[in-house]
C-alpha atoms as a PDB file:
ATOM      1  CA  MET A   1     -29.237  43.448  10.592  1.00  0.00           C
ATOM      2  CA  ILE A   2     -31.782  41.607   8.482  1.00  0.00           C
ATOM      3  CA  ALA A   3     -31.612  37.887   7.765  1.00  0.00           C
ATOM      4  CA  LEU A   4     -31.890  36.792   4.133  1.00  0.00           C
ATOM      5  CA  LEU A   5     -33.080  33.200   4.118  1.00  0.00           C
ATOM      6  CA  ASP A   6     -32.815  30.604   1.376  1.00  0.00           C
ATOM      7  CA  ASN A   7     -35.697  28.314   2.282  1.00  0.00           C
ATOM      8  CA  GLY A   8     -39.223  27.314   1.399  1.00  0.00           C
ATOM      9  CA  GLN A   9     -40.612  28.146   4.838  1.00  0.00           C
ATOM     10  CA  ASP A  10     -43.078  30.852   5.825  1.00  0.00           C
ATOM     11  CA  LEU A  11     -40.960  34.009   6.026  1.00  0.00           C
ATOM     12  CA  ALA A  12     -43.265  35.734   8.523  1.00  0.00           C
ATOM     13  CA  GLN A  13     -42.944  32.722  10.853  1.00  0.00           C
ATOM     14  CA  CYS A  14     -39.157  32.754  10.420  1.00  0.00           C
ATOM     15  CA  GLU A  15     -39.148  36.453  11.252  1.00  0.00           C
ATOM     16  CA  ALA A  16     -41.108  35.812  14.441  1.00  0.00           C
ATOM     17  CA  GLU A  17     -38.638  33.095  15.442  1.00  0.00           C
ATOM     18  CA  ILE A  18     -35.439  35.016  14.756  1.00  0.00           C
ATOM     19  CA  GLY A  19     -36.626  38.371  16.082  1.00  0.00           C
ATOM     20  CA  VAL A  20     -35.169  40.475  13.261  1.00  0.00           C
ATOM     21  CA  PRO A  21     -36.506  41.452   9.818  1.00  0.00           C
ATOM     22  CA  VAL A  22     -36.384  38.615   7.297  1.00  0.00           C
ATOM     23  CA  GLY A  23     -36.034  38.698   3.538  1.00  0.00           C
ATOM     24  CA  GLN A  24     -35.231  36.076   0.952  1.00  0.00           C
ATOM     25  CA  LEU A  25     -31.955  34.915  -0.568  1.00  0.00           C
ATOM     26  CA  LEU A  26     -32.426  33.278  -3.941  1.00  0.00           C
ATOM     27  CA  THR A  27     -29.770  30.840  -5.091  1.00  0.00           C
ATOM     28  CA  ALA A  28     -29.079  28.819  -8.190  1.00  0.00           C
ATOM     29  CA  LEU A  29     -28.620  25.836  -5.882  1.00  0.00           C
ATOM     30  CA  THR A  30     -32.115  25.627  -4.372  1.00  0.00           C
ATOM     31  CA  ARG A  31     -34.012  27.582  -7.081  1.00  0.00           C
ATOM     32  CA  TYR A  32     -36.777  28.789  -4.759  1.00  0.00           C
ATOM     33  CA  ARG A  33     -39.155  31.354  -6.205  1.00  0.00           C
ATOM     34  CA  LEU A  34     -39.474  34.857  -4.776  1.00  0.00           C
ATOM     35  CA  ARG A  35     -42.451  34.471  -2.439  1.00  0.00           C
ATOM     36  CA  ASP A  36     -42.934  37.996  -1.106  1.00  0.00           C
ATOM     37  CA  PRO A  37     -41.508  40.715  -3.370  1.00  0.00           C
ATOM     38  CA  ALA A  38     -42.342  43.309  -0.698  1.00  0.00           C
ATOM     39  CA  ARG A  39     -39.579  41.841   1.482  1.00  0.00           C
ATOM     40  CA  PRO A  40     -35.894  42.570   0.821  1.00  0.00           C
ATOM     41  CA  TRP A  41     -34.216  40.002  -1.400  1.00  0.00           C
ATOM     42  CA  ALA A  42     -30.888  39.242  -3.032  1.00  0.00           C
ATOM     43  CA  VAL A  43     -29.211  36.571  -5.144  1.00  0.00           C
ATOM     44  CA  ASP A  44     -26.328  34.367  -4.058  1.00  0.00           C
ATOM     45  CA  ASN A  45     -24.437  32.583  -6.824  1.00  0.00           C
ATOM     46  CA  GLY A  46     -24.863  29.281  -4.970  1.00  0.00           C
ATOM     47  CA  GLY A  47     -21.283  28.308  -5.712  1.00  0.00           C
ATOM     48  CA  TYR A  48     -19.979  27.570  -2.218  1.00  0.00           C
ATOM     49  CA  HIS A  49     -19.530  23.932  -3.211  1.00  0.00           C
ATOM     50  CA  LYS A  50     -19.733  24.127  -7.013  1.00  0.00           C
ATOM     51  CA  LEU A  51     -20.935  26.935  -9.269  1.00  0.00           C
ATOM     52  CA  ASP A  52     -23.609  26.133 -11.864  1.00  0.00           C
ATOM     53  CA  PRO A  53     -23.345  29.046 -14.360  1.00  0.00           C
ATOM     54  CA  PRO A  54     -26.373  28.064 -16.517  1.00  0.00           C
ATOM     55  CA  ALA A  55     -28.544  27.759 -13.398  1.00  0.00           C
ATOM     56  CA  LEU A  56     -27.377  31.157 -12.118  1.00  0.00           C
ATOM     57  CA  MET A  57     -28.115  32.827 -15.453  1.00  0.00           C
ATOM     58  CA  ALA A  58     -31.542  31.122 -15.601  1.00  0.00           C
ATOM     59  CA  LEU A  59     -32.335  32.447 -12.109  1.00  0.00           C
ATOM     60  CA  LEU A  60     -31.369  35.990 -13.097  1.00  0.00           C
ATOM     61  CA  GLU A  61     -33.390  35.749 -16.308  1.00  0.00           C
ATOM     62  CA  ARG A  62     -36.404  34.565 -14.310  1.00  0.00           C
ATOM     63  CA  GLU A  63     -36.169  37.543 -11.924  1.00  0.00           C
ATOM     64  CA  MET A  64     -35.225  40.161 -14.533  1.00  0.00           C
ATOM     65  CA  ALA A  65     -38.532  42.048 -14.136  1.00  0.00           C
ATOM     66  CA  ARG A  66     -37.675  42.666 -10.458  1.00  0.00           C
ATOM     67  CA  GLN A  67     -34.031  43.567 -11.096  1.00  0.00           C
ATOM     68  CA  ASP A  68     -34.296  47.080  -9.631  1.00  0.00           C
ATOM     69  CA  ASP A  69     -35.578  45.741  -6.297  1.00  0.00           C
ATOM     70  CA  CYS A  70     -32.765  43.243  -5.817  1.00  0.00           C
ATOM     71  CA  LEU A  71     -30.304  44.292  -3.088  1.00  0.00           C
ATOM     72  CA  PHE A  72     -27.356  42.576  -4.790  1.00  0.00           C
ATOM     73  CA  VAL A  73     -26.169  39.648  -6.845  1.00  0.00           C
ATOM     74  CA  ALA A  74     -23.146  37.860  -5.388  1.00  0.00           C
ATOM     75  CA  VAL A  75     -20.784  37.625  -8.354  1.00  0.00           C
ATOM     76  CA  PRO A  76     -19.241  34.148  -8.694  1.00  0.00           C
ATOM     77  CA  ASP A  77     -16.224  33.695  -6.452  1.00  0.00           C
ATOM     78  CA  VAL A  78     -13.505  31.234  -5.513  1.00  0.00           C
ATOM     79  CA  VAL A  79     -13.851  30.121  -1.904  1.00  0.00           C
ATOM     80  CA  GLY A  80     -10.781  30.974   0.143  1.00  0.00           C
ATOM     81  CA  SER A  81      -8.958  33.018  -2.530  1.00  0.00           C
ATOM     82  CA  ALA A  82      -9.434  36.747  -2.945  1.00  0.00           C
ATOM     83  CA  ARG A  83      -7.005  36.926  -5.873  1.00  0.00           C
ATOM     84  CA  ARG A  84      -8.830  34.247  -7.891  1.00  0.00           C
ATOM     85  CA  THR A  85     -12.191  35.778  -6.909  1.00  0.00           C
ATOM     86  CA  LEU A  86     -11.145  39.152  -8.360  1.00  0.00           C
ATOM     87  CA  GLU A  87     -10.153  37.448 -11.616  1.00  0.00           C
ATOM     88  CA  VAL A  88     -13.503  35.680 -11.789  1.00  0.00           C
ATOM     89  CA  PHE A  89     -15.299  38.932 -10.898  1.00  0.00           C
ATOM     90  CA  ASP A  90     -13.714  40.713 -13.885  1.00  0.00           C
ATOM     91  CA  ARG A  91     -14.858  37.947 -16.246  1.00  0.00           C
ATOM     92  CA  TRP A  92     -18.417  37.797 -14.876  1.00  0.00           C
ATOM     93  CA  LYS A  93     -19.070  41.536 -14.568  1.00  0.00           C
ATOM     94  CA  PRO A  94     -20.024  42.022 -18.255  1.00  0.00           C
ATOM     95  CA  ARG A  95     -22.568  39.194 -17.991  1.00  0.00           C
ATOM     96  CA  LEU A  96     -24.347  40.883 -15.076  1.00  0.00           C
ATOM     97  CA  VAL A  97     -24.915  44.372 -16.470  1.00  0.00           C
ATOM     98  CA  GLY A  98     -27.932  46.037 -14.882  1.00  0.00           C
ATOM     99  CA  TRP A  99     -27.730  44.081 -11.626  1.00  0.00           C
ATOM    100  CA  LYS A 100     -26.339  45.510  -8.389  1.00  0.00           C
ATOM    101  CA  LEU A 101     -23.143  43.552  -7.889  1.00  0.00           C
ATOM    102  CA  ALA A 102     -21.585  42.265  -4.683  1.00  0.00           C
ATOM    103  CA  LEU A 103     -17.934  41.275  -4.485  1.00  0.00           C
ATOM    104  CA  VAL A 104     -17.588  38.185  -2.316  1.00  0.00           C
ATOM    105  CA  CYS A 105     -14.588  38.977  -0.121  1.00  0.00           C
ATOM    106  CA  GLN A 106     -12.332  36.017   0.605  1.00  0.00           C
ATOM    107  CA  ASP A 107      -9.153  35.327   2.559  1.00  0.00           C
ATOM    108  CA  GLY A 108      -6.413  37.662   1.304  1.00  0.00           C
ATOM    109  CA  GLN A 109      -8.709  40.521   0.273  1.00  0.00           C
ATOM    110  CA  GLU A 110      -6.908  42.809   2.703  1.00  0.00           C
ATOM    111  CA  ASP A 111      -3.883  42.826   0.370  1.00  0.00           C
ATOM    112  CA  LEU A 112      -5.831  43.482  -2.836  1.00  0.00           C
ATOM    113  CA  PRO A 113      -7.914  46.386  -4.155  1.00  0.00           C
ATOM    114  CA  ILE A 114     -11.691  46.251  -4.004  1.00  0.00           C
ATOM    115  CA  PRO A 115     -13.439  47.460  -7.193  1.00  0.00           C
ATOM    116  CA  TRP A 116     -15.607  49.928  -5.265  1.00  0.00           C
ATOM    117  CA  ASP A 117     -16.861  51.729  -8.380  1.00  0.00           C
ATOM    118  CA  ASP A 118     -18.224  48.475  -9.827  1.00  0.00           C
ATOM    119  CA  ILE A 119     -20.111  47.189  -6.802  1.00  0.00           C
ATOM    120  CA  ALA A 120     -23.150  48.046  -4.719  1.00  0.00           C
ATOM    121  CA  ALA A 121     -22.249  45.629  -1.933  1.00  0.00           C
ATOM    122  CA  VAL A 122     -19.608  43.500  -0.306  1.00  0.00           C
ATOM    123  CA  PHE A 123     -20.427  39.954   0.713  1.00  0.00           C
ATOM    124  CA  ILE A 124     -18.174  38.818   3.544  1.00  0.00           C
ATOM    125  CA  GLY A 125     -17.258  35.213   2.780  1.00  0.00           C
ATOM    126  CA  GLY A 126     -14.018  33.389   3.417  1.00  0.00           C
ATOM    127  CA  SER A 127     -12.894  31.051   6.150  1.00  0.00           C
ATOM    128  CA  THR A 128     -14.385  31.418   9.617  1.00  0.00           C
ATOM    129  CA  SER A 129     -11.153  32.758  11.110  1.00  0.00           C
ATOM    130  CA  TRP A 130     -10.747  35.344   8.342  1.00  0.00           C
ATOM    131  CA  LYS A 131     -14.425  36.334   8.355  1.00  0.00           C
ATOM    132  CA  CYS A 132     -14.394  36.970  12.099  1.00  0.00           C
ATOM    133  CA  GLY A 133     -10.986  38.660  12.160  1.00  0.00           C
ATOM    134  CA  PRO A 134      -9.691  42.216  11.815  1.00  0.00           C
ATOM    135  CA  HIS A 135      -9.299  42.234   8.015  1.00  0.00           C
ATOM    136  CA  ALA A 136     -12.978  41.506   7.336  1.00  0.00           C
ATOM    137  CA  ALA A 137     -13.955  44.056  10.008  1.00  0.00           C
ATOM    138  CA  ALA A 138     -11.876  46.707   8.214  1.00  0.00           C
ATOM    139  CA  ILE A 139     -13.593  45.866   4.910  1.00  0.00           C
ATOM    140  CA  VAL A 140     -16.996  46.253   6.571  1.00  0.00           C
ATOM    141  CA  ARG A 141     -15.989  49.669   7.945  1.00  0.00           C
ATOM    142  CA  ALA A 142     -14.658  50.785   4.540  1.00  0.00           C
ATOM    143  CA  ALA A 143     -17.837  49.624   2.804  1.00  0.00           C
ATOM    144  CA  LYS A 144     -20.020  51.512   5.256  1.00  0.00           C
ATOM    145  CA  ALA A 145     -17.890  54.655   4.794  1.00  0.00           C
ATOM    146  CA  LEU A 146     -18.557  54.342   1.048  1.00  0.00           C
ATOM    147  CA  ASP A 147     -22.302  53.733   1.564  1.00  0.00           C
ATOM    148  CA  LYS A 148     -22.170  50.163   0.244  1.00  0.00           C
ATOM    149  CA  TRP A 149     -24.446  47.361   1.424  1.00  0.00           C
ATOM    150  CA  VAL A 150     -22.695  44.796   3.622  1.00  0.00           C
ATOM    151  CA  HIS A 151     -23.847  41.190   3.624  1.00  0.00           C
ATOM    152  CA  VAL A 152     -22.245  38.403   5.666  1.00  0.00           C
ATOM    153  CA  GLY A 153     -22.499  34.724   4.796  1.00  0.00           C
ATOM    154  CA  ARG A 154     -22.647  31.783   7.217  1.00  0.00           C
ATOM    155  CA  VAL A 155     -24.003  33.618  10.249  1.00  0.00           C
ATOM    156  CA  ASN A 156     -25.637  30.778  12.137  1.00  0.00           C
ATOM    157  CA  GLU A 157     -25.001  31.513  15.783  1.00  0.00           C
ATOM    158  CA  PRO A 158     -25.686  34.365  18.208  1.00  0.00           C
ATOM    159  CA  GLY A 159     -22.108  35.515  18.783  1.00  0.00           C
ATOM    160  CA  ARG A 160     -21.373  35.873  15.093  1.00  0.00           C
ATOM    161  CA  TYR A 161     -24.689  37.637  14.499  1.00  0.00           C
ATOM    162  CA  GLU A 162     -23.954  40.131  17.266  1.00  0.00           C
ATOM    163  CA  HIS A 163     -20.377  40.677  16.044  1.00  0.00           C
ATOM    164  CA  PHE A 164     -21.468  41.698  12.563  1.00  0.00           C
ATOM    165  CA  ALA A 165     -24.517  43.648  13.715  1.00  0.00           C
ATOM    166  CA  THR A 166     -22.199  45.694  15.934  1.00  0.00           C
ATOM    167  CA  LEU A 167     -19.907  46.339  12.951  1.00  0.00           C
ATOM    168  CA  GLY A 168     -22.895  47.708  11.022  1.00  0.00           C
ATOM    169  CA  ALA A 169     -23.530  44.906   8.521  1.00  0.00           C
ATOM    170  CA  ASP A 170     -26.870  45.248   6.746  1.00  0.00           C
ATOM    171  CA  SER A 171     -27.785  41.601   6.159  1.00  0.00           C
ATOM    172  CA  CYS A 172     -26.677  38.041   6.743  1.00  0.00           C
ATOM    173  CA  ASP A 173     -27.511  34.512   5.717  1.00  0.00           C
ATOM    174  CA  GLY A 174     -26.802  31.013   6.930  1.00  0.00           C
ATOM    175  CA  THR A 175     -27.920  27.501   6.107  1.00  0.00           C
ATOM    176  CA  GLY A 176     -28.643  26.861   9.784  1.00  0.00           C
ATOM    177  CA  ILE A 177     -30.850  29.902  10.305  1.00  0.00           C
ATOM    178  CA  ALA A 178     -32.594  29.230   7.007  1.00  0.00           C
ATOM    179  CA  ARG A 179     -33.484  25.657   7.959  1.00  0.00           C
ATOM    180  CA  TYR A 180     -33.806  25.370  11.722  1.00  0.00           C
ATOM    181  CA  THR A 181     -36.146  27.028  14.194  1.00  0.00           C
ATOM    182  CA  HIS A 182     -33.814  26.415  17.156  1.00  0.00           C
ATOM    183  CA  MET A 183     -30.991  28.304  15.448  1.00  0.00           C
ATOM    184  CA  ARG A 184     -33.251  31.256  14.674  1.00  0.00           C
ATOM    185  CA  GLU A 185     -34.497  31.266  18.254  1.00  0.00           C
ATOM    186  CA  ALA A 186     -30.922  31.230  19.563  1.00  0.00           C
ATOM    187  CA  ILE A 187     -30.251  34.464  17.673  1.00  0.00           C
ATOM    188  CA  ALA A 188     -33.497  35.952  18.968  1.00  0.00           C
ATOM    189  CA  ASN A 189     -32.373  35.115  22.516  1.00  0.00           C
ATOM    190  CA  ARG A 190     -28.769  36.240  22.026  1.00  0.00           C
ATOM    191  CA  HIS A 191     -28.908  39.008  24.646  1.00  0.00           C
ATOM    192  CA  GLN A 192     -30.168  36.611  27.331  1.00  0.00           C
ATOM    193  CA  GLN A 193     -27.329  34.209  26.516  1.00  0.00           C
ATOM    194  CA  GLN A 194     -24.773  37.005  26.839  1.00  0.00           C
ATOM    195  CA  ASP A 195     -26.245  37.942  30.222  1.00  0.00           C
ATOM    196  CA  LEU A 196     -25.894  34.335  31.412  1.00  0.00           C
ATOM    197  CA  LEU A 197     -22.257  34.200  30.259  1.00  0.00           C
ATOM    198  CA  ALA A 198     -21.487  37.461  32.058  1.00  0.00           C
ATOM    199  CA  SER A 199     -22.981  36.322  35.383  1.00  0.00           C
END
């Protein structure tokens, strides 16, 4: 599972620290530029705290020439509500024509349809308990059966990384792993930590 990092740090150094392939996650929040187009990259809407629609559209306009290389664009969502996220998705979809779309799955998605024909990816969001529970795992398995990319947000510690890697997720992000060497190194050393816990 590759790590998509939203930071201004040297991506090769981050890759050496975390021990897995590293790409870049562009967001309307931080507005970093794409530093190495040869690496995998995607766009998060940056709306975890508050969406800035003009900034998101400006980011997409800036990267339009590289649109075909983008893994996905996380369509604006409503944190914690799958129903509201689907409503927002339907309103934003026409504004994002030509981009590979990711539905950000939130708490309650298990009871609602996923617009599989309209998306290239699922982005596993939601609360920590929902994200790490059986409903999100079932969505990951369904997405993989349909050959969709699976991205997981807020993966900042070894156990969560291993959980989603085992499920077959393709990529992850996290503020902690984007910013801090010690958190990247903890993921790199995750197998040693599991061995210590087992003994």
